[in-house]
N, C-alpha and C. Protein backbone atom coordinates (compact mmCIF):
# COMPACT_ATOMS: atom_id res chain seq x y z
N MET A 1 0.78 -1.24 0.02
CA MET A 1 -0.01 0.01 0.04
C MET A 1 0.89 1.25 -0.04
N ALA A 2 0.63 2.08 -0.92
CA ALA A 2 1.39 3.46 -1.00
C ALA A 2 1.02 4.25 0.12
N THR A 3 2.12 5.04 0.54
CA THR A 3 1.82 5.96 1.55
C THR A 3 1.55 7.28 0.96
N ALA A 4 0.79 8.16 1.58
CA ALA A 4 0.51 9.44 0.92
C ALA A 4 1.68 10.39 0.86
N LYS A 5 1.73 11.24 -0.01
CA LYS A 5 2.77 12.22 -0.16
C LYS A 5 2.73 13.20 0.99
N PRO A 6 3.84 13.61 1.46
CA PRO A 6 3.84 14.66 2.45
C PRO A 6 3.25 15.87 1.90
N ILE A 7 2.62 16.79 2.78
CA ILE A 7 1.92 17.94 2.34
C ILE A 7 2.66 19.07 2.92
N LEU A 8 3.13 20.06 2.13
CA LEU A 8 3.75 21.30 2.70
C LEU A 8 2.69 22.45 2.64
N TYR A 9 2.49 23.08 3.62
CA TYR A 9 1.61 24.26 3.69
C TYR A 9 2.58 25.45 3.80
N GLY A 10 2.48 26.32 2.84
CA GLY A 10 3.31 27.56 2.86
C GLY A 10 2.78 28.69 2.20
N ALA A 11 3.53 29.79 2.00
CA ALA A 11 3.03 30.94 1.33
C ALA A 11 4.18 31.47 0.45
N TRP A 12 3.87 32.02 -0.68
CA TRP A 12 4.81 32.56 -1.60
C TRP A 12 5.70 33.61 -0.97
N ILE A 13 5.28 34.41 0.05
CA ILE A 13 5.98 35.39 0.62
C ILE A 13 6.95 34.90 1.75
N SER A 14 6.89 33.66 2.12
CA SER A 14 7.62 33.05 3.21
C SER A 14 8.91 32.50 2.81
N SER A 15 10.01 33.08 3.23
CA SER A 15 11.30 32.52 2.96
C SER A 15 11.48 31.28 3.61
N CYS A 16 10.89 31.03 4.76
CA CYS A 16 10.84 29.72 5.47
C CYS A 16 10.14 28.72 4.64
N SER A 17 9.11 28.97 3.99
CA SER A 17 8.50 28.03 3.09
C SER A 17 9.36 27.65 1.85
N HIS A 18 10.01 28.70 1.34
CA HIS A 18 10.98 28.44 0.30
C HIS A 18 12.11 27.56 0.67
N ARG A 19 12.63 27.66 1.91
CA ARG A 19 13.74 26.83 2.43
C ARG A 19 13.29 25.37 2.32
N VAL A 20 12.12 25.10 2.81
CA VAL A 20 11.63 23.71 2.84
C VAL A 20 11.33 23.14 1.45
N ARG A 21 10.80 24.00 0.61
CA ARG A 21 10.58 23.52 -0.81
C ARG A 21 11.94 23.22 -1.46
N ILE A 22 12.91 24.07 -1.27
CA ILE A 22 14.23 23.73 -1.80
C ILE A 22 14.81 22.37 -1.23
N ALA A 23 14.66 22.19 0.03
CA ALA A 23 15.11 20.95 0.59
C ALA A 23 14.45 19.72 0.00
N LEU A 24 13.11 19.88 -0.07
CA LEU A 24 12.28 18.70 -0.66
C LEU A 24 12.72 18.45 -2.13
N ASN A 25 12.87 19.50 -2.85
CA ASN A 25 13.28 19.24 -4.23
C ASN A 25 14.63 18.71 -4.42
N LEU A 26 15.59 19.25 -3.65
CA LEU A 26 16.99 18.77 -3.55
C LEU A 26 17.02 17.24 -3.25
N LYS A 27 16.20 16.87 -2.29
CA LYS A 27 16.10 15.41 -1.82
C LYS A 27 15.29 14.63 -2.87
N GLY A 28 14.59 15.24 -3.72
CA GLY A 28 13.86 14.46 -4.70
C GLY A 28 12.59 13.91 -4.13
N VAL A 29 12.04 14.51 -3.03
CA VAL A 29 10.84 14.02 -2.41
C VAL A 29 9.66 14.47 -3.17
N ASP A 30 8.69 13.57 -3.51
CA ASP A 30 7.46 13.86 -4.08
C ASP A 30 6.46 14.31 -2.92
N TYR A 31 5.97 15.64 -3.20
CA TYR A 31 5.11 16.14 -2.08
C TYR A 31 4.08 16.98 -2.71
N GLU A 32 3.05 17.31 -1.99
CA GLU A 32 2.04 18.13 -2.46
C GLU A 32 2.13 19.58 -1.69
N TYR A 33 1.90 20.57 -2.37
CA TYR A 33 2.15 22.03 -1.93
C TYR A 33 0.72 22.62 -1.77
N LYS A 34 0.44 23.18 -0.60
CA LYS A 34 -0.81 23.89 -0.52
C LYS A 34 -0.50 25.29 0.01
N ALA A 35 -0.88 26.24 -0.78
CA ALA A 35 -0.62 27.67 -0.42
C ALA A 35 -1.77 28.10 0.64
N VAL A 36 -1.27 28.78 1.73
CA VAL A 36 -2.16 29.23 2.69
C VAL A 36 -1.78 30.57 3.06
N ASN A 37 -2.88 31.32 3.72
CA ASN A 37 -2.62 32.61 4.34
C ASN A 37 -3.01 32.30 5.81
N PRO A 38 -1.98 32.15 6.70
CA PRO A 38 -2.40 31.80 8.07
C PRO A 38 -3.15 32.86 8.79
N ARG A 39 -3.11 34.16 8.19
CA ARG A 39 -3.92 35.13 8.92
C ARG A 39 -5.45 35.18 8.55
N THR A 40 -5.68 34.55 7.39
CA THR A 40 -7.17 34.64 6.92
C THR A 40 -7.74 33.28 6.80
N ASP A 41 -6.96 32.14 6.86
CA ASP A 41 -7.46 30.85 6.60
C ASP A 41 -7.78 30.16 7.84
N PRO A 42 -9.00 30.07 8.34
CA PRO A 42 -9.40 29.48 9.70
C PRO A 42 -9.03 28.00 9.70
N ASP A 43 -8.99 27.33 8.70
CA ASP A 43 -8.73 25.87 8.61
C ASP A 43 -7.30 25.66 9.05
N TYR A 44 -6.35 26.53 8.68
CA TYR A 44 -4.91 26.40 8.84
C TYR A 44 -4.61 26.17 10.38
N GLU A 45 -5.37 26.97 11.25
CA GLU A 45 -5.18 26.81 12.63
C GLU A 45 -5.36 25.38 13.14
N LYS A 46 -6.16 24.60 12.51
CA LYS A 46 -6.39 23.21 12.81
C LYS A 46 -5.13 22.38 12.49
N ILE A 47 -4.42 22.75 11.56
CA ILE A 47 -3.15 22.07 11.14
C ILE A 47 -1.98 22.55 12.10
N ASN A 48 -1.96 23.84 12.27
CA ASN A 48 -0.80 24.41 13.05
C ASN A 48 -1.40 25.46 13.94
N PRO A 49 -1.71 25.12 15.19
CA PRO A 49 -2.36 26.03 16.17
C PRO A 49 -1.63 27.45 16.34
N ILE A 50 -0.29 27.47 16.15
CA ILE A 50 0.45 28.83 16.32
C ILE A 50 0.34 29.52 15.04
N LYS A 51 -0.14 28.94 13.94
CA LYS A 51 -0.41 29.54 12.65
C LYS A 51 0.84 30.11 11.99
N TYR A 52 1.94 29.48 12.27
CA TYR A 52 3.27 29.85 11.45
C TYR A 52 3.26 29.03 10.30
N ILE A 53 4.08 29.52 9.26
CA ILE A 53 4.32 28.72 8.12
C ILE A 53 5.79 28.67 7.96
N PRO A 54 6.24 27.56 7.48
CA PRO A 54 5.45 26.40 6.80
C PRO A 54 5.14 25.31 7.91
N ALA A 55 4.30 24.38 7.46
CA ALA A 55 3.98 23.22 8.17
C ALA A 55 4.01 22.08 7.23
N LEU A 56 4.61 20.93 7.74
CA LEU A 56 4.71 19.70 6.91
C LEU A 56 3.73 18.76 7.56
N VAL A 57 2.86 18.18 6.81
CA VAL A 57 2.10 17.08 7.24
C VAL A 57 2.52 15.81 6.56
N ASP A 58 3.00 14.85 7.31
CA ASP A 58 3.49 13.56 6.79
C ASP A 58 2.76 12.51 7.44
N GLY A 59 1.62 12.01 6.83
CA GLY A 59 0.76 10.99 7.42
C GLY A 59 0.07 11.71 8.55
N ASP A 60 0.15 11.16 9.73
CA ASP A 60 -0.44 11.70 11.01
C ASP A 60 0.54 12.60 11.80
N PHE A 61 1.63 12.91 11.27
CA PHE A 61 2.62 13.70 11.85
C PHE A 61 2.64 15.01 11.23
N VAL A 62 2.61 16.11 12.07
CA VAL A 62 2.67 17.54 11.73
C VAL A 62 3.88 18.15 12.30
N LEU A 63 4.70 18.81 11.52
CA LEU A 63 5.88 19.51 12.06
C LEU A 63 5.92 20.96 11.44
N SER A 64 6.10 21.90 12.23
CA SER A 64 6.38 23.27 11.69
C SER A 64 7.85 23.64 12.07
N ASP A 65 8.23 24.81 11.51
CA ASP A 65 9.57 25.45 11.70
C ASP A 65 10.43 24.94 10.56
N SER A 66 10.90 25.72 9.73
CA SER A 66 11.63 25.25 8.57
C SER A 66 12.82 24.45 8.86
N LEU A 67 13.66 24.79 9.80
CA LEU A 67 14.82 24.18 10.16
C LEU A 67 14.52 22.74 10.71
N ALA A 68 13.48 22.64 11.61
CA ALA A 68 13.05 21.39 12.15
C ALA A 68 12.64 20.44 10.93
N ILE A 69 11.76 21.10 10.08
CA ILE A 69 11.35 20.23 8.95
C ILE A 69 12.46 19.83 8.07
N ILE A 70 13.48 20.59 7.80
CA ILE A 70 14.59 20.24 6.99
C ILE A 70 15.41 19.00 7.65
N LEU A 71 15.65 19.12 8.98
CA LEU A 71 16.34 18.08 9.63
C LEU A 71 15.56 16.80 9.73
N TYR A 72 14.21 16.85 9.76
CA TYR A 72 13.34 15.71 9.82
C TYR A 72 13.46 15.07 8.36
N LEU A 73 13.46 15.90 7.32
CA LEU A 73 13.47 15.32 6.10
C LEU A 73 15.00 14.77 5.76
N GLU A 74 15.93 15.29 6.37
CA GLU A 74 17.31 14.71 6.26
C GLU A 74 17.40 13.41 6.75
N ASP A 75 16.68 13.16 7.89
CA ASP A 75 16.70 11.76 8.57
C ASP A 75 15.76 10.83 7.82
N LYS A 76 14.48 11.26 7.38
CA LYS A 76 13.65 10.45 6.73
C LYS A 76 14.05 10.00 5.37
N TYR A 77 14.68 10.96 4.65
CA TYR A 77 15.02 10.74 3.26
C TYR A 77 16.59 10.89 3.14
N PRO A 78 17.35 9.85 3.48
CA PRO A 78 18.81 10.08 3.43
C PRO A 78 19.51 10.20 2.16
N GLN A 79 18.70 10.02 1.03
CA GLN A 79 19.31 10.28 -0.25
C GLN A 79 19.60 11.72 -0.57
N HIS A 80 20.57 12.00 -1.16
CA HIS A 80 20.95 13.47 -1.48
C HIS A 80 21.05 14.25 -0.13
N PRO A 81 22.05 13.86 0.63
CA PRO A 81 22.15 14.54 1.88
C PRO A 81 22.41 16.11 1.80
N LEU A 82 21.77 16.77 2.64
CA LEU A 82 21.92 18.30 2.73
C LEU A 82 22.82 18.77 3.83
N VAL A 83 23.11 17.84 4.86
CA VAL A 83 24.06 18.15 5.88
C VAL A 83 25.26 17.38 5.78
N PRO A 84 26.49 17.96 5.86
CA PRO A 84 27.71 17.28 5.70
C PRO A 84 27.96 16.25 6.84
N LYS A 85 28.79 15.25 6.53
CA LYS A 85 29.03 14.28 7.61
C LYS A 85 30.20 14.79 8.47
N ASP A 86 31.06 15.54 8.03
CA ASP A 86 32.14 16.05 8.89
C ASP A 86 31.59 16.96 9.95
N ILE A 87 31.74 16.53 11.19
CA ILE A 87 31.15 17.26 12.34
C ILE A 87 31.44 18.77 12.41
N LYS A 88 32.65 19.20 12.09
CA LYS A 88 32.99 20.62 12.15
C LYS A 88 32.27 21.39 11.04
N THR A 89 32.23 20.86 9.90
CA THR A 89 31.55 21.53 8.77
C THR A 89 30.05 21.59 9.06
N LYS A 90 29.59 20.41 9.55
CA LYS A 90 28.13 20.32 9.97
C LYS A 90 27.81 21.35 10.94
N GLY A 91 28.53 21.52 11.98
CA GLY A 91 28.46 22.54 13.10
C GLY A 91 28.33 23.94 12.52
N LEU A 92 29.35 24.24 11.57
CA LEU A 92 29.27 25.66 11.10
C LEU A 92 28.02 25.84 10.20
N ASP A 93 27.55 24.76 9.38
CA ASP A 93 26.45 24.92 8.52
C ASP A 93 25.25 25.12 9.35
N LEU A 94 25.08 24.40 10.57
CA LEU A 94 23.94 24.53 11.43
C LEU A 94 24.00 25.87 12.14
N GLN A 95 25.16 26.36 12.39
CA GLN A 95 25.30 27.69 13.02
C GLN A 95 24.82 28.75 11.96
N ILE A 96 25.22 28.68 10.80
CA ILE A 96 24.65 29.67 9.78
C ILE A 96 23.18 29.53 9.55
N ALA A 97 22.66 28.30 9.50
CA ALA A 97 21.20 28.05 9.39
C ALA A 97 20.46 28.63 10.59
N ASN A 98 20.99 28.47 11.75
CA ASN A 98 20.29 29.11 12.95
C ASN A 98 20.39 30.58 12.97
N ILE A 99 21.45 31.14 12.54
CA ILE A 99 21.58 32.59 12.41
C ILE A 99 20.53 33.11 11.49
N VAL A 100 20.40 32.53 10.26
CA VAL A 100 19.32 32.94 9.38
C VAL A 100 17.99 32.77 9.98
N CYS A 101 17.67 31.51 10.58
CA CYS A 101 16.36 31.26 11.14
C CYS A 101 15.96 32.06 12.30
N SER A 102 16.93 32.33 13.24
CA SER A 102 16.66 32.86 14.52
C SER A 102 17.08 34.34 14.68
N SER A 103 18.10 34.85 13.96
CA SER A 103 18.60 36.23 14.18
C SER A 103 18.32 37.14 12.99
N ILE A 104 18.20 36.62 11.74
CA ILE A 104 18.05 37.43 10.64
C ILE A 104 16.54 37.47 10.19
N GLN A 105 16.02 36.36 9.77
CA GLN A 105 14.73 36.22 9.15
C GLN A 105 13.54 36.69 10.14
N PRO A 106 13.48 36.39 11.38
CA PRO A 106 12.38 36.85 12.16
C PRO A 106 12.32 38.44 12.30
N LEU A 107 13.50 39.09 12.23
CA LEU A 107 13.42 40.53 12.31
C LEU A 107 12.98 41.31 11.03
N GLN A 108 12.67 40.50 9.99
CA GLN A 108 12.25 41.05 8.76
C GLN A 108 10.78 40.79 8.57
N GLY A 109 10.13 40.16 9.53
CA GLY A 109 8.73 39.89 9.45
C GLY A 109 7.80 41.14 9.50
N TYR A 110 6.61 40.94 9.18
CA TYR A 110 5.64 41.99 9.24
C TYR A 110 5.50 42.65 10.60
N GLY A 111 5.55 41.77 11.67
CA GLY A 111 5.38 42.31 12.97
C GLY A 111 6.51 43.23 13.44
N VAL A 112 7.75 43.02 12.91
CA VAL A 112 8.89 43.87 13.30
C VAL A 112 8.99 45.09 12.50
N ILE A 113 8.98 44.89 11.09
CA ILE A 113 9.25 46.14 10.29
C ILE A 113 8.00 46.95 10.06
N GLY A 114 6.74 46.42 10.51
CA GLY A 114 5.53 47.27 10.43
C GLY A 114 5.00 47.47 9.10
N LEU A 115 5.38 46.67 8.08
CA LEU A 115 4.88 46.94 6.80
C LEU A 115 3.30 46.85 6.66
N HIS A 116 2.68 45.89 7.35
CA HIS A 116 1.33 45.63 7.26
C HIS A 116 0.48 46.79 7.86
N GLU A 117 1.09 47.59 8.64
CA GLU A 117 0.28 48.72 9.10
C GLU A 117 0.82 50.08 8.69
N GLY A 118 1.79 49.97 7.74
CA GLY A 118 2.38 51.22 7.17
C GLY A 118 3.15 52.08 8.05
N ARG A 119 3.68 51.45 9.09
CA ARG A 119 4.49 52.25 10.08
C ARG A 119 5.83 52.71 9.55
N LEU A 120 6.34 51.99 8.65
CA LEU A 120 7.76 52.38 8.00
C LEU A 120 7.47 52.42 6.54
N SER A 121 8.26 53.34 5.98
CA SER A 121 8.26 53.46 4.49
C SER A 121 8.94 52.28 3.97
N PRO A 122 8.74 52.00 2.60
CA PRO A 122 9.47 50.91 2.01
C PRO A 122 11.08 51.10 2.25
N ASP A 123 11.56 52.31 2.06
CA ASP A 123 12.98 52.57 2.27
C ASP A 123 13.43 52.29 3.74
N GLU A 124 12.57 52.70 4.70
CA GLU A 124 12.99 52.45 6.03
C GLU A 124 12.93 50.81 6.34
N SER A 125 11.90 50.21 5.73
CA SER A 125 11.80 48.77 5.95
C SER A 125 13.08 48.04 5.32
N LEU A 126 13.46 48.48 4.16
CA LEU A 126 14.62 47.91 3.54
C LEU A 126 15.89 48.19 4.39
N GLU A 127 15.95 49.32 4.89
CA GLU A 127 17.08 49.60 5.82
C GLU A 127 17.17 48.67 7.15
N VAL A 128 16.11 48.41 7.69
CA VAL A 128 16.01 47.47 8.82
C VAL A 128 16.39 46.00 8.34
N VAL A 129 15.80 45.60 7.22
CA VAL A 129 16.16 44.28 6.73
C VAL A 129 17.60 44.20 6.39
N GLN A 130 18.22 45.11 5.73
CA GLN A 130 19.67 45.13 5.46
C GLN A 130 20.55 45.13 6.66
N ARG A 131 20.10 45.84 7.71
CA ARG A 131 20.85 45.99 8.94
C ARG A 131 20.96 44.60 9.67
N TYR A 132 19.90 43.86 9.56
CA TYR A 132 19.95 42.55 10.36
C TYR A 132 20.64 41.47 9.50
N ILE A 133 20.47 41.49 8.12
CA ILE A 133 21.22 40.62 7.32
C ILE A 133 22.67 40.81 7.47
N ASP A 134 23.18 42.09 7.36
CA ASP A 134 24.52 42.38 7.52
C ASP A 134 25.08 41.97 8.90
N LYS A 135 24.27 42.32 9.99
CA LYS A 135 24.70 42.00 11.24
C LYS A 135 24.80 40.42 11.46
N GLY A 136 23.92 39.76 11.01
CA GLY A 136 23.83 38.26 11.14
C GLY A 136 25.04 37.56 10.41
N PHE A 137 25.36 38.04 9.24
CA PHE A 137 26.45 37.37 8.55
C PHE A 137 27.76 37.93 8.95
N ARG A 138 27.87 39.13 9.39
CA ARG A 138 29.19 39.60 9.82
C ARG A 138 29.51 39.04 11.05
N GLU A 139 28.68 38.77 11.96
CA GLU A 139 29.02 38.21 13.31
C GLU A 139 29.09 36.69 13.42
N GLN A 140 28.85 36.08 12.42
CA GLN A 140 28.87 34.63 12.53
C GLN A 140 30.25 33.97 12.38
């Protein structure tokens, strides 16, 4: 009996969703993609109560957070490894991934730069985004 394809819930605007899509494609995993807007889709809260994207549904298992999903995929689908075997290189790769996921990307979200409420001009928003990208990569 064939198992169902994993389902990735994401959004075009989400860099987190793009990271998982890239990982799924690099690993050659056949999956279904469902675009959602967690702010307006009441059904999405049933899948992921905190309403963050992306979320991966794999059978009866649901996982959110792009890095957690990618590491899950790495273990479940060992073909085409994304993480190096060398522990020092792996440690540095995970350090960079965590800097992006924890220190750079969250500070670019709507809640921080205020785009959804028009608190910052596009130029001011870009300045904030560039500041945290530069800081994240300079200090790693």
